[in-house]
Amino acid sequence: MKLSHKLKDKLKGLSPKNKINAVLEKYEHLIRERAIAQAKAKIASNGKEIKDFTEEQLEIIVVEEEYQIKSKLKNSTFMSVLAFFGLATF
């Protein structure tokens, strides 16, 4: 039995990975703000000031913080889904 392209697209949209990515995209600006705040805190905790860095360096620091935030969110969301279905081992 062949699935139509329309049905395949609908099934792809139901995957947990796509749902997680959709949520992350929806809250992208909040994640960015959080990453900036964490980057500022990290810089301050190292005894530095923002003016000590170039724009490119600051962008790299913020992108690293965004990556960490997204990774944590994906992992916690994924584990929540597994726990919901009783598949996680604690």
Protein backbone atom coordinates (compact mmCIF):
# COMPACT_ATOMS: atom_id res chain seq x y z
CA MET A 1 0.00 0.00 0.00
CA LYS A 2 1.42 3.35 -1.07
CA LEU A 3 0.99 6.46 1.03
CA SER A 4 0.17 9.66 -0.76
CA HIS A 5 2.59 12.58 -0.51
CA LYS A 6 -0.02 14.55 1.38
CA LEU A 7 -0.37 11.83 4.02
CA LYS A 8 3.42 11.46 4.30
CA ASP A 9 3.75 15.20 4.91
CA LYS A 10 1.08 15.07 7.62
CA LEU A 11 2.81 12.14 9.31
CA LYS A 12 6.14 13.95 9.22
CA GLY A 13 4.51 16.91 10.93
CA LEU A 14 3.44 14.68 13.81
CA SER A 15 6.93 13.51 14.72
CA PRO A 16 8.18 14.57 18.18
CA LYS A 17 11.35 16.00 16.66
CA ASN A 18 9.35 18.33 14.42
CA LYS A 19 7.15 19.38 17.32
CA ILE A 20 10.18 20.17 19.49
CA ASN A 21 11.77 22.20 16.68
CA ALA A 22 8.50 24.08 16.13
CA VAL A 23 8.37 25.05 19.81
CA LEU A 24 12.01 26.17 19.72
CA GLU A 25 11.35 28.32 16.66
CA LYS A 26 8.29 29.85 18.27
CA TYR A 27 10.31 30.95 21.29
CA GLU A 28 13.52 31.81 19.42
CA HIS A 29 13.51 35.44 20.63
CA LEU A 30 13.16 34.37 24.27
CA ILE A 31 15.98 31.86 23.88
CA ARG A 32 18.13 34.60 22.34
CA GLU A 33 17.40 36.99 25.23
CA ARG A 34 18.22 34.27 27.75
CA ALA A 35 21.46 33.47 25.91
CA ILE A 36 22.48 37.13 25.96
CA ALA A 37 21.81 37.34 29.71
CA GLN A 38 23.82 34.17 30.33
CA ALA A 39 26.66 35.44 28.13
CA LYS A 40 26.76 38.71 30.10
CA ALA A 41 26.87 36.77 33.37
CA LYS A 42 29.61 34.48 32.06
CA ILE A 43 31.68 37.47 30.94
CA ALA A 44 31.23 39.21 34.30
CA SER A 45 32.08 36.06 36.26
CA ASN A 46 35.38 35.89 34.38
CA GLY A 47 36.22 39.43 35.46
CA LYS A 48 35.82 40.88 31.97
CA GLU A 49 33.62 43.57 30.47
CA ILE A 50 31.61 43.51 27.27
CA LYS A 51 33.80 46.24 25.80
CA ASP A 52 36.77 43.84 26.02
CA PHE A 53 35.29 41.76 23.17
CA THR A 54 34.67 42.42 19.50
CA GLU A 55 31.16 42.05 18.07
CA GLU A 56 32.22 38.81 16.43
CA GLN A 57 33.49 37.38 19.71
CA LEU A 58 30.31 38.39 21.51
CA GLU A 59 28.19 36.76 18.80
CA ILE A 60 30.16 33.52 19.19
CA ILE A 61 29.64 33.57 22.96
CA VAL A 62 25.90 34.19 22.57
CA VAL A 63 25.54 31.47 19.92
CA GLU A 64 27.29 29.00 22.25
CA GLU A 65 24.85 29.92 25.02
CA GLU A 66 21.89 29.51 22.64
CA TYR A 67 23.16 26.07 21.67
CA GLN A 68 23.41 25.03 25.33
CA ILE A 69 19.90 26.31 26.09
CA LYS A 70 18.40 24.54 23.07
CA SER A 71 20.22 21.31 23.90
CA LYS A 72 18.89 21.37 27.44
CA LEU A 73 15.36 22.10 26.23
CA LYS A 74 15.46 19.33 23.61
CA ASN A 75 16.78 16.80 26.11
CA SER A 76 14.28 17.71 28.81
CA THR A 77 11.39 17.75 26.34
CA PHE A 78 12.44 14.43 24.84
CA MET A 79 12.75 12.85 28.29
CA SER A 80 9.31 14.19 29.20
CA VAL A 81 7.82 12.52 26.13
CA LEU A 82 9.55 9.25 26.98
CA ALA A 83 8.36 9.47 30.57
CA PHE A 84 4.82 10.16 29.39
CA PHE A 85 4.86 6.97 27.36
CA GLY A 86 6.64 5.05 30.10
CA LEU A 87 9.76 4.50 28.04
CA ALA A 88 12.29 6.38 30.14
CA THR A 89 14.42 4.58 32.66
CA PHE A 90 15.21 6.68 35.67
